N, C-alpha and C. Protein backbone atom coordinates (compact mmCIF):
# COMPACT_ATOMS: atom_id res chain seq x y z
N UNK A 1 1.06 -1.32 0.13
CA UNK A 1 0.02 -0.04 -0.02
C UNK A 1 0.75 1.23 -0.07
N UNK A 2 0.87 2.00 -0.93
CA UNK A 2 1.42 3.45 -1.06
C UNK A 2 1.11 4.27 -0.12
N UNK A 3 2.22 5.16 0.41
CA UNK A 3 2.06 5.91 1.46
C UNK A 3 0.74 6.87 1.51
N UNK A 4 0.46 7.58 0.54
CA UNK A 4 -0.81 8.43 0.40
C UNK A 4 -2.18 7.67 0.67
N UNK A 5 -2.17 6.51 0.26
CA UNK A 5 -3.32 5.61 0.42
C UNK A 5 -3.31 5.22 2.14
N UNK A 6 -2.15 4.90 2.56
CA UNK A 6 -1.98 4.59 4.17
C UNK A 6 -2.46 5.86 4.88
N UNK A 7 -2.14 6.92 4.46
CA UNK A 7 -2.44 8.24 5.22
C UNK A 7 -4.08 8.30 5.02
N UNK A 8 -4.40 8.04 3.91
CA UNK A 8 -6.11 8.18 3.92
C UNK A 8 -6.82 7.12 4.74
N UNK A 9 -6.35 5.94 4.92
CA UNK A 9 -7.05 4.92 5.56
C UNK A 9 -6.78 5.49 6.98
N UNK A 10 -5.79 5.83 7.55
CA UNK A 10 -5.66 6.45 8.91
C UNK A 10 -6.52 7.38 9.06
N UNK A 11 -6.59 8.53 8.04
CA UNK A 11 -7.51 9.57 8.16
C UNK A 11 -8.86 9.03 8.24
N UNK A 12 -9.43 8.05 7.62
CA UNK A 12 -10.68 7.73 7.62
C UNK A 12 -10.94 6.86 9.03
N UNK A 13 -10.06 6.16 9.30
CA UNK A 13 -10.37 5.43 10.69
C UNK A 13 -10.38 6.32 12.13
N UNK A 14 -9.98 7.54 11.64
CA UNK A 14 -9.70 8.48 12.75
C UNK A 14 -11.33 9.04 13.19
N UNK A 15 -12.40 8.77 12.37
CA UNK A 15 -13.79 9.33 12.53
C UNK A 15 -14.56 8.15 12.98
N UNK A 16 -15.59 8.34 13.82
CA UNK A 16 -16.58 7.61 14.18
C UNK A 16 -17.87 8.19 14.09
N UNK A 17 -18.52 7.71 12.99
CA UNK A 17 -19.73 8.17 12.49
C UNK A 17 -20.80 7.37 12.02
N UNK A 18 -21.80 7.55 12.30
CA UNK A 18 -22.94 6.72 11.83
C UNK A 18 -23.20 6.91 10.47
N UNK A 19 -23.39 5.88 9.47
CA UNK A 19 -23.55 6.09 7.97
C UNK A 19 -25.16 6.47 7.95
N UNK A 20 -25.32 7.33 7.05
CA UNK A 20 -26.73 7.76 6.86
C UNK A 20 -27.29 7.09 5.38
N UNK A 21 -26.32 6.45 4.69
CA UNK A 21 -26.70 6.16 3.30
C UNK A 21 -25.91 4.79 3.38
N UNK A 22 -26.49 3.81 2.36
CA UNK A 22 -25.53 2.62 2.21
C UNK A 22 -24.41 2.79 1.13
N UNK A 23 -23.20 2.28 1.40
CA UNK A 23 -22.28 2.43 0.62
C UNK A 23 -22.37 1.55 -0.63
N UNK A 24 -21.68 1.94 -1.71
CA UNK A 24 -21.92 1.24 -3.11
C UNK A 24 -20.93 -0.32 -2.61
N UNK A 25 -21.29 -1.25 -3.27
CA UNK A 25 -20.73 -2.43 -3.33
C UNK A 25 -19.30 -2.29 -3.81
N UNK A 26 -18.35 -3.01 -3.40
CA UNK A 26 -17.22 -2.47 -4.00
C UNK A 26 -17.00 -3.25 -5.43
N UNK A 27 -17.85 -4.09 -5.81
CA UNK A 27 -17.91 -4.45 -7.27
C UNK A 27 -18.31 -3.54 -8.24
N UNK A 28 -19.24 -2.66 -7.57
CA UNK A 28 -20.14 -1.75 -8.33
C UNK A 28 -18.96 -0.59 -8.28
N UNK A 29 -18.17 -0.19 -7.42
CA UNK A 29 -17.19 0.89 -7.40
C UNK A 29 -16.11 0.54 -8.44
N UNK A 30 -15.85 -0.60 -8.50
CA UNK A 30 -14.92 -1.21 -9.59
C UNK A 30 -15.36 -0.93 -11.22
N UNK A 31 -16.54 -0.91 -11.28
CA UNK A 31 -17.21 -0.35 -12.67
C UNK A 31 -16.74 1.06 -12.93
N UNK A 32 -16.23 1.91 -12.17
CA UNK A 32 -15.96 3.38 -12.46
C UNK A 32 -14.44 3.45 -12.64
N UNK A 33 -13.59 2.19 -12.42
CA UNK A 33 -12.19 2.22 -12.51
C UNK A 33 -11.88 1.97 -14.09
N UNK A 34 -10.71 2.66 -14.50
CA UNK A 34 -10.49 2.56 -15.89
C UNK A 34 -9.93 1.02 -16.33
N UNK A 35 -10.35 0.29 -17.15
CA UNK A 35 -9.91 -1.07 -17.55
C UNK A 35 -8.65 -1.09 -18.29
N UNK A 36 -8.15 0.26 -18.92
CA UNK A 36 -6.99 0.27 -19.62
C UNK A 36 -6.28 1.53 -19.71
N UNK A 37 -5.20 1.62 -19.75
CA UNK A 37 -4.51 2.94 -19.98
C UNK A 37 -3.51 2.71 -20.89
N UNK A 38 -3.35 3.46 -21.86
CA UNK A 38 -2.39 3.11 -22.97
C UNK A 38 -0.75 3.15 -22.49
N UNK A 39 -0.03 2.07 -22.98
CA UNK A 39 1.11 1.87 -22.45
C UNK A 39 1.43 1.33 -21.24
N UNK A 40 0.29 0.96 -20.51
CA UNK A 40 0.41 0.33 -19.30
C UNK A 40 -0.48 -1.09 -19.42
N UNK A 41 -0.24 -2.02 -18.52
CA UNK A 41 -0.92 -3.49 -18.57
C UNK A 41 -1.68 -3.39 -17.08
N UNK A 42 -2.98 -3.80 -17.18
CA UNK A 42 -3.94 -3.55 -15.97
C UNK A 42 -3.60 -4.80 -15.14
N UNK A 43 -3.65 -4.85 -13.83
CA UNK A 43 -3.58 -5.72 -12.88
C UNK A 43 -5.11 -6.20 -12.69
N UNK A 44 -5.29 -6.77 -11.65
CA UNK A 44 -6.78 -7.40 -11.33
C UNK A 44 -7.18 -6.47 -10.45
N UNK A 45 -8.43 -5.80 -10.64
CA UNK A 45 -9.09 -4.87 -9.52
C UNK A 45 -9.30 -5.68 -8.30
N UNK A 46 -9.18 -4.95 -7.20
CA UNK A 46 -9.44 -5.34 -6.06
C UNK A 46 -10.55 -4.27 -5.37
N UNK A 47 -11.18 -4.82 -4.27
CA UNK A 47 -11.90 -4.30 -3.64
C UNK A 47 -12.48 -4.71 -2.27
N UNK A 48 -13.12 -3.95 -1.42
CA UNK A 48 -13.47 -4.56 -0.05
C UNK A 48 -14.57 -3.74 0.54
N UNK A 49 -15.22 -4.27 1.55
CA UNK A 49 -16.32 -3.14 2.46
C UNK A 49 -15.80 -3.39 3.63
N UNK A 50 -15.49 -2.45 4.49
CA UNK A 50 -14.91 -2.37 5.81
C UNK A 50 -15.79 -1.42 6.81
N UNK A 51 -16.08 -1.94 7.99
CA UNK A 51 -16.82 -1.48 9.01
C UNK A 51 -15.84 -1.30 10.22
N UNK A 52 -15.58 0.07 10.58
CA UNK A 52 -14.76 0.42 11.89
C UNK A 52 -15.64 1.40 12.68
N UNK A 53 -15.87 1.05 13.99
CA UNK A 53 -16.51 1.78 14.86
C UNK A 53 -18.15 2.51 14.53
N UNK A 54 -18.82 1.51 13.71
CA UNK A 54 -19.96 2.22 13.02
C UNK A 54 -19.74 2.87 11.68
N UNK A 55 -18.52 3.11 11.30
CA UNK A 55 -18.47 3.71 9.96
C UNK A 55 -18.23 2.55 9.07
N UNK A 56 -18.99 2.62 7.97
CA UNK A 56 -18.64 1.69 6.71
C UNK A 56 -18.31 2.12 5.52
N UNK A 57 -17.34 1.80 4.95
CA UNK A 57 -16.78 2.29 3.50
C UNK A 57 -16.56 1.29 2.78
N UNK A 58 -16.76 1.60 1.44
CA UNK A 58 -16.27 0.43 0.40
C UNK A 58 -14.93 1.09 -0.47
N UNK A 59 -14.20 0.03 -0.84
CA UNK A 59 -12.89 0.61 -1.74
C UNK A 59 -12.79 -0.29 -2.91
N UNK A 60 -12.41 0.29 -3.96
CA UNK A 60 -12.05 -0.29 -4.97
C UNK A 60 -10.63 0.08 -5.69
N UNK A 61 -9.78 -0.67 -6.21
CA UNK A 61 -8.59 -0.26 -6.57
C UNK A 61 -7.94 -1.03 -7.70
N UNK A 62 -7.02 -0.47 -8.33
CA UNK A 62 -6.48 -1.13 -9.62
C UNK A 62 -5.04 -0.51 -9.61
N UNK A 63 -4.25 -1.49 -9.97
CA UNK A 63 -2.70 -1.10 -10.33
C UNK A 63 -2.52 -1.33 -11.90
N UNK A 64 -1.95 -0.60 -12.55
CA UNK A 64 -1.17 -0.51 -13.84
C UNK A 64 0.28 -0.60 -13.81
N UNK A 65 0.89 -1.44 -14.72
CA UNK A 65 2.45 -1.33 -14.76
C UNK A 65 2.92 -1.16 -16.46
N UNK A 66 4.20 -0.71 -16.35
CA UNK A 66 4.67 -1.24 -17.77
C UNK A 66 6.01 -1.79 -17.59
N UNK A 67 6.67 -1.94 -18.87
CA UNK A 67 8.01 -2.78 -18.84
C UNK A 67 9.24 -1.86 -18.16
N UNK A 68 8.83 -0.69 -17.94
CA UNK A 68 10.00 -0.09 -17.30
C UNK A 68 9.85 0.32 -15.89
N UNK A 69 9.06 -0.56 -15.15
CA UNK A 69 9.01 -0.34 -13.73
C UNK A 69 7.90 0.74 -13.51
N UNK A 70 7.10 1.33 -14.43
CA UNK A 70 6.43 2.49 -14.27
C UNK A 70 5.10 1.84 -13.69
N UNK A 71 4.20 2.51 -12.77
CA UNK A 71 3.13 2.17 -12.14
C UNK A 71 2.22 3.33 -12.31
N UNK A 72 0.88 2.85 -12.23
CA UNK A 72 -0.22 3.73 -11.88
C UNK A 72 -1.32 3.15 -10.95
N UNK A 73 -1.56 3.72 -9.81
CA UNK A 73 -2.37 3.22 -8.70
C UNK A 73 -3.51 3.95 -8.68
N UNK A 74 -4.82 3.48 -8.71
CA UNK A 74 -5.89 4.12 -8.76
C UNK A 74 -6.83 3.47 -7.47
N UNK A 75 -7.26 4.42 -6.74
CA UNK A 75 -8.10 3.78 -5.37
C UNK A 75 -9.55 4.61 -5.44
N UNK A 76 -10.63 4.31 -5.40
CA UNK A 76 -11.72 4.99 -5.40
C UNK A 76 -12.48 4.37 -4.00
N UNK A 77 -12.82 5.29 -2.89
CA UNK A 77 -13.69 4.94 -1.93
C UNK A 77 -15.00 5.56 -1.75
N UNK A 78 -15.77 4.97 -0.99
CA UNK A 78 -17.18 5.29 -0.70
C UNK A 78 -17.19 5.31 0.77
N UNK A 79 -17.56 6.55 1.22
CA UNK A 79 -17.88 6.52 2.59
C UNK A 79 -19.11 7.18 3.00
N UNK A 80 -20.09 6.70 2.10
CA UNK A 80 -21.40 7.11 2.30
C UNK A 80 -21.91 7.78 3.75
N UNK A 81 -22.61 9.02 3.59
CA UNK A 81 -23.29 9.43 4.77
C UNK A 81 -22.24 10.04 5.92
N UNK A 82 -20.78 9.77 5.80
CA UNK A 82 -19.95 10.46 6.67
C UNK A 82 -19.28 11.83 6.29
N UNK A 83 -20.51 12.75 6.13
CA UNK A 83 -19.97 14.00 5.55
C UNK A 83 -19.21 14.83 6.30
N UNK A 84 -19.15 14.81 7.49
CA UNK A 84 -17.90 15.49 8.28
C UNK A 84 -16.73 15.04 8.06
N UNK A 85 -16.53 13.75 7.55
CA UNK A 85 -15.09 13.43 7.17
C UNK A 85 -14.73 14.04 5.80
N UNK A 86 -15.69 14.33 4.83
CA UNK A 86 -15.13 15.03 3.61
C UNK A 86 -15.13 16.30 4.06
N UNK A 87 -16.05 16.91 4.76
CA UNK A 87 -15.69 18.35 5.14
C UNK A 87 -14.46 18.81 5.77
N UNK A 88 -13.99 17.92 6.67
CA UNK A 88 -12.63 18.09 6.98
C UNK A 88 -11.62 18.06 6.22
N UNK A 89 -11.90 17.21 5.13
CA UNK A 89 -10.52 16.98 4.02
C UNK A 89 -10.83 18.26 3.11
N UNK A 90 -12.01 18.81 2.75
CA UNK A 90 -12.21 19.87 1.86
C UNK A 90 -12.05 21.25 2.48
N UNK A 91 -12.01 21.30 3.83
CA UNK A 91 -11.62 22.67 4.18
C UNK A 91 -10.26 23.12 3.81
N UNK A 92 -9.21 22.13 3.89
CA UNK A 92 -7.98 22.35 3.56
C UNK A 92 -7.99 22.80 1.85
N UNK A 93 -8.71 21.88 1.04
CA UNK A 93 -8.57 21.93 -0.22
C UNK A 93 -9.12 23.22 -0.79
N UNK A 94 -10.26 23.75 -0.23
CA UNK A 94 -10.71 25.03 -0.62
C UNK A 94 -10.11 26.29 -0.02
N UNK A 95 -9.17 26.14 0.65
CA UNK A 95 -8.23 27.28 1.27
C UNK A 95 -7.51 28.17 0.35
N UNK A 96 -7.51 27.65 -1.11
CA UNK A 96 -6.60 28.14 -2.17
C UNK A 96 -5.17 27.76 -1.78
N UNK A 97 -4.65 26.81 -1.09
CA UNK A 97 -3.22 26.65 -0.93
C UNK A 97 -2.52 26.13 -2.15
N UNK A 98 -1.42 26.85 -2.37
CA UNK A 98 -0.42 26.35 -3.40
C UNK A 98 0.99 26.38 -2.76
N UNK A 99 1.77 25.27 -3.17
CA UNK A 99 3.09 25.15 -2.52
C UNK A 99 4.22 24.82 -3.68
N UNK A 100 5.34 25.27 -3.95
CA UNK A 100 6.02 25.12 -4.65
C UNK A 100 7.38 25.36 -4.26
N UNK A 101 8.57 24.11 -4.42
CA UNK A 101 9.76 24.42 -3.88
C UNK A 101 10.62 23.38 -4.96
N UNK A 102 11.92 23.16 -4.64
CA UNK A 102 12.76 22.35 -5.48
C UNK A 102 12.35 20.70 -5.36
N UNK A 103 11.51 20.61 -4.14
CA UNK A 103 10.99 19.28 -4.43
C UNK A 103 9.59 18.74 -4.70
N UNK A 104 8.61 19.85 -4.40
CA UNK A 104 7.26 19.46 -4.54
C UNK A 104 6.49 20.67 -5.05
N UNK A 105 5.55 20.28 -5.87
CA UNK A 105 4.49 21.32 -6.38
C UNK A 105 3.12 20.79 -5.83
N UNK A 106 2.48 21.62 -5.14
CA UNK A 106 0.94 21.10 -4.55
C UNK A 106 0.20 22.26 -5.10
N UNK A 107 -1.16 21.87 -5.36
CA UNK A 107 -2.07 23.13 -5.46
C UNK A 107 -3.37 22.31 -5.51
N UNK A 108 -4.54 23.11 -5.31
CA UNK A 108 -5.78 22.67 -5.26
C UNK A 108 -6.35 22.66 -6.59
N UNK A 109 -7.43 21.86 -6.85
CA UNK A 109 -8.03 21.92 -8.21
C UNK A 109 -9.49 21.87 -7.96
N UNK A 110 -10.39 22.67 -8.78
CA UNK A 110 -11.74 22.67 -8.37
C UNK A 110 -12.24 22.44 -10.16
N UNK A 111 -12.70 21.11 -10.12
CA UNK A 111 -13.24 20.66 -11.53
C UNK A 111 -14.66 21.09 -11.70
N UNK A 112 -15.53 21.08 -10.58
CA UNK A 112 -16.80 21.50 -10.56
C UNK A 112 -17.56 21.63 -9.05
N UNK A 113 -18.57 22.10 -9.12
CA UNK A 113 -19.39 22.18 -7.63
C UNK A 113 -19.08 20.80 -6.90
N UNK A 114 -19.19 19.89 -7.41
CA UNK A 114 -19.21 18.39 -6.99
C UNK A 114 -17.83 17.62 -6.81
N UNK A 115 -16.91 18.32 -7.62
CA UNK A 115 -15.75 17.63 -7.53
C UNK A 115 -14.35 18.48 -7.48
N UNK A 116 -13.98 18.37 -6.24
CA UNK A 116 -12.64 19.17 -5.70
C UNK A 116 -11.61 18.38 -5.12
N UNK A 117 -10.47 18.81 -5.18
CA UNK A 117 -9.15 18.18 -4.58
C UNK A 117 -7.86 19.09 -4.67
N UNK A 118 -6.90 18.19 -4.79
CA UNK A 118 -5.53 18.70 -5.07
C UNK A 118 -4.65 17.60 -5.96
N UNK A 119 -3.84 18.33 -6.38
CA UNK A 119 -2.73 17.59 -7.22
C UNK A 119 -1.19 17.83 -6.52
N UNK A 120 -0.60 16.99 -6.93
CA UNK A 120 0.83 17.00 -6.00
C UNK A 120 1.87 16.32 -7.03
N UNK A 121 3.01 17.13 -7.31
CA UNK A 121 4.22 16.52 -7.99
C UNK A 121 5.38 16.46 -7.21
N UNK A 122 6.11 15.36 -6.98
CA UNK A 122 7.23 15.32 -6.38
C UNK A 122 8.32 15.27 -7.36
N UNK A 123 9.25 16.35 -7.54
CA UNK A 123 10.02 16.66 -8.74
C UNK A 123 11.16 15.52 -8.72
N UNK A 124 11.85 15.32 -7.56
CA UNK A 124 12.80 14.33 -7.59
C UNK A 124 12.54 13.07 -7.78
N UNK A 125 11.40 12.69 -7.35
CA UNK A 125 10.92 11.08 -7.28
C UNK A 125 10.15 11.00 -8.60
N UNK A 126 9.69 12.05 -9.26
CA UNK A 126 8.96 11.98 -10.48
C UNK A 126 7.48 11.21 -10.32
N UNK A 127 7.16 11.46 -8.98
CA UNK A 127 5.79 10.76 -8.76
C UNK A 127 4.94 11.89 -8.80
N UNK A 128 3.69 11.66 -9.53
CA UNK A 128 2.59 12.53 -9.43
C UNK A 128 1.25 11.98 -8.67
N UNK A 129 0.60 12.80 -8.01
CA UNK A 129 -0.72 12.32 -7.31
C UNK A 129 -1.81 13.20 -7.65
N UNK A 130 -3.17 12.71 -7.69
CA UNK A 130 -4.33 13.48 -7.68
C UNK A 130 -5.18 12.73 -6.72
N UNK A 131 -5.88 13.67 -5.95
CA UNK A 131 -6.97 13.20 -4.78
C UNK A 131 -8.01 14.19 -5.10
N UNK A 132 -9.27 13.58 -5.30
CA UNK A 132 -10.64 14.29 -5.62
C UNK A 132 -11.66 13.64 -4.56
N UNK A 133 -12.32 14.66 -4.09
CA UNK A 133 -13.58 14.46 -3.23
C UNK A 133 -14.60 14.57 -4.26
N UNK A 134 -15.43 13.78 -4.29
CA UNK A 134 -16.73 13.71 -5.21
C UNK A 134 -18.02 13.53 -4.75
N UNK A 135 -18.85 14.76 -4.68
CA UNK A 135 -20.23 14.69 -4.17
C UNK A 135 -20.24 14.43 -2.61
N UNK A 136 -19.21 15.05 -2.09
CA UNK A 136 -19.24 14.73 -0.54
C UNK A 136 -19.33 13.31 0.05
N UNK A 137 -19.05 12.34 -0.84
CA UNK A 137 -19.15 10.96 -0.53
C UNK A 137 -17.99 10.29 -1.10
N UNK A 138 -17.50 10.38 -2.13
CA UNK A 138 -16.32 9.53 -2.76
C UNK A 138 -15.05 10.23 -2.70
N UNK A 139 -14.18 9.34 -2.60
CA UNK A 139 -12.72 10.12 -2.61
C UNK A 139 -11.73 8.95 -3.70
N UNK A 140 -11.22 9.75 -4.64
CA UNK A 140 -10.35 9.14 -5.68
C UNK A 140 -9.17 9.46 -5.37
N UNK A 141 -8.11 8.73 -5.40
CA UNK A 141 -6.88 8.98 -5.60
C UNK A 141 -5.96 8.29 -6.67
N UNK A 142 -5.05 8.86 -7.49
CA UNK A 142 -4.46 8.44 -8.67
C UNK A 142 -3.06 8.64 -8.24
N UNK A 143 -2.16 7.79 -8.48
CA UNK A 143 -0.56 8.01 -8.13
C UNK A 143 0.06 7.32 -9.28
N UNK A 144 1.01 8.19 -9.91
CA UNK A 144 1.92 7.52 -10.90
C UNK A 144 3.11 7.87 -10.99
N UNK A 145 4.11 7.09 -11.06
CA UNK A 145 5.61 7.45 -11.23
C UNK A 145 6.01 7.65 -12.60
N UNK A 146 7.54 7.81 -12.62
CA UNK A 146 7.96 8.28 -13.94
C UNK A 146 7.36 9.35 -14.79
N UNK A 147 6.89 10.33 -14.18
CA UNK A 147 6.18 11.58 -14.60
C UNK A 147 6.96 12.76 -14.53
N UNK A 148 6.70 13.81 -15.33
CA UNK A 148 7.30 14.86 -15.42
C UNK A 148 6.48 15.97 -14.88
N UNK A 149 5.12 15.73 -14.59
CA UNK A 149 4.14 16.49 -14.27
C UNK A 149 2.89 15.83 -13.75
N UNK A 150 1.83 16.57 -13.56
CA UNK A 150 0.64 15.89 -13.18
C UNK A 150 -0.46 15.56 -14.15
N UNK A 151 -0.04 15.88 -15.34
CA UNK A 151 -0.96 15.81 -16.66
C UNK A 151 -1.57 14.41 -16.63
N UNK A 152 -0.80 13.28 -16.57
CA UNK A 152 -1.30 12.01 -16.84
C UNK A 152 -2.50 11.72 -15.75
N UNK A 153 -2.16 11.91 -14.48
CA UNK A 153 -3.24 11.64 -13.57
C UNK A 153 -4.40 12.37 -13.82
N UNK A 154 -4.22 13.73 -14.14
CA UNK A 154 -5.60 14.47 -14.20
C UNK A 154 -6.30 13.79 -15.52
N UNK A 155 -5.39 13.15 -16.55
CA UNK A 155 -5.99 12.94 -17.98
C UNK A 155 -6.75 11.59 -17.65
N UNK A 156 -6.45 10.93 -16.62
CA UNK A 156 -6.88 9.42 -16.28
C UNK A 156 -8.17 9.81 -15.58
N UNK A 157 -8.27 10.77 -14.65
CA UNK A 157 -9.40 11.29 -14.05
C UNK A 157 -10.62 11.52 -14.90
N UNK A 158 -10.09 12.62 -15.89
CA UNK A 158 -10.97 13.45 -16.90
C UNK A 158 -11.56 11.98 -17.54
N UNK A 159 -11.05 10.94 -17.82
CA UNK A 159 -11.60 9.88 -18.69
C UNK A 159 -12.69 8.92 -18.02
N UNK A 160 -12.59 9.04 -16.63
CA UNK A 160 -13.31 8.48 -15.78
C UNK A 160 -14.81 9.09 -15.56
N UNK A 161 -15.86 8.36 -15.28
CA UNK A 161 -17.26 9.00 -15.51
C UNK A 161 -17.57 9.67 -13.85
N UNK A 162 -16.98 10.39 -13.81
CA UNK A 162 -16.93 11.10 -12.55
C UNK A 162 -18.19 11.87 -12.19
N UNK A 163 -18.77 12.33 -13.13
CA UNK A 163 -20.07 13.16 -12.98
C UNK A 163 -21.23 11.93 -12.74
N UNK A 164 -21.14 10.96 -13.57
CA UNK A 164 -22.23 9.56 -13.05
C UNK A 164 -21.84 9.20 -11.70
N UNK A 165 -20.75 9.09 -11.26
CA UNK A 165 -20.48 8.70 -10.01
C UNK A 165 -20.95 9.75 -8.91
N UNK A 166 -20.77 10.93 -9.20
CA UNK A 166 -21.31 12.23 -8.34
C UNK A 166 -22.77 11.96 -8.23
N UNK A 167 -23.60 11.28 -9.17
CA UNK A 167 -24.87 11.38 -9.12
C UNK A 167 -25.39 10.19 -8.38
N UNK A 168 -24.49 9.04 -8.04
CA UNK A 168 -25.05 7.93 -7.40
C UNK A 168 -25.74 8.24 -5.98
């Protein structure tokens, strides 16, 4: 499990919230994941449903790889009804934070009223991240190595049907 994903699970487990809606089955979440990405081979999608202290969430993920040890990891979570978790996360995202130094470039992104998040590029490691909160319910992360910027991770997210997901 990659570091940003570990941080996300720790963040999720830090809340004890009663669900107000049913989470989507992880198989249904997997239907939103891309099946192919040009230049990469898809691994098998994975998923699960987890309950911790009354909070139930489901997750779906897939990893893509190429012949030069490149990877793309995509994880989609549904934490239905735990809106205060989402609000805590987006409070930082909507603060207009940008950060740039010799190692990292970080900035918020606002795709639509229902899709906001951040992008981050680690310059020396050539790793890019995208994290999106969708409809105050879903959380999408995309991580890719061997990158020169965040364009690939953003293009992957743009090809996913996030507006349909937001309407779930």
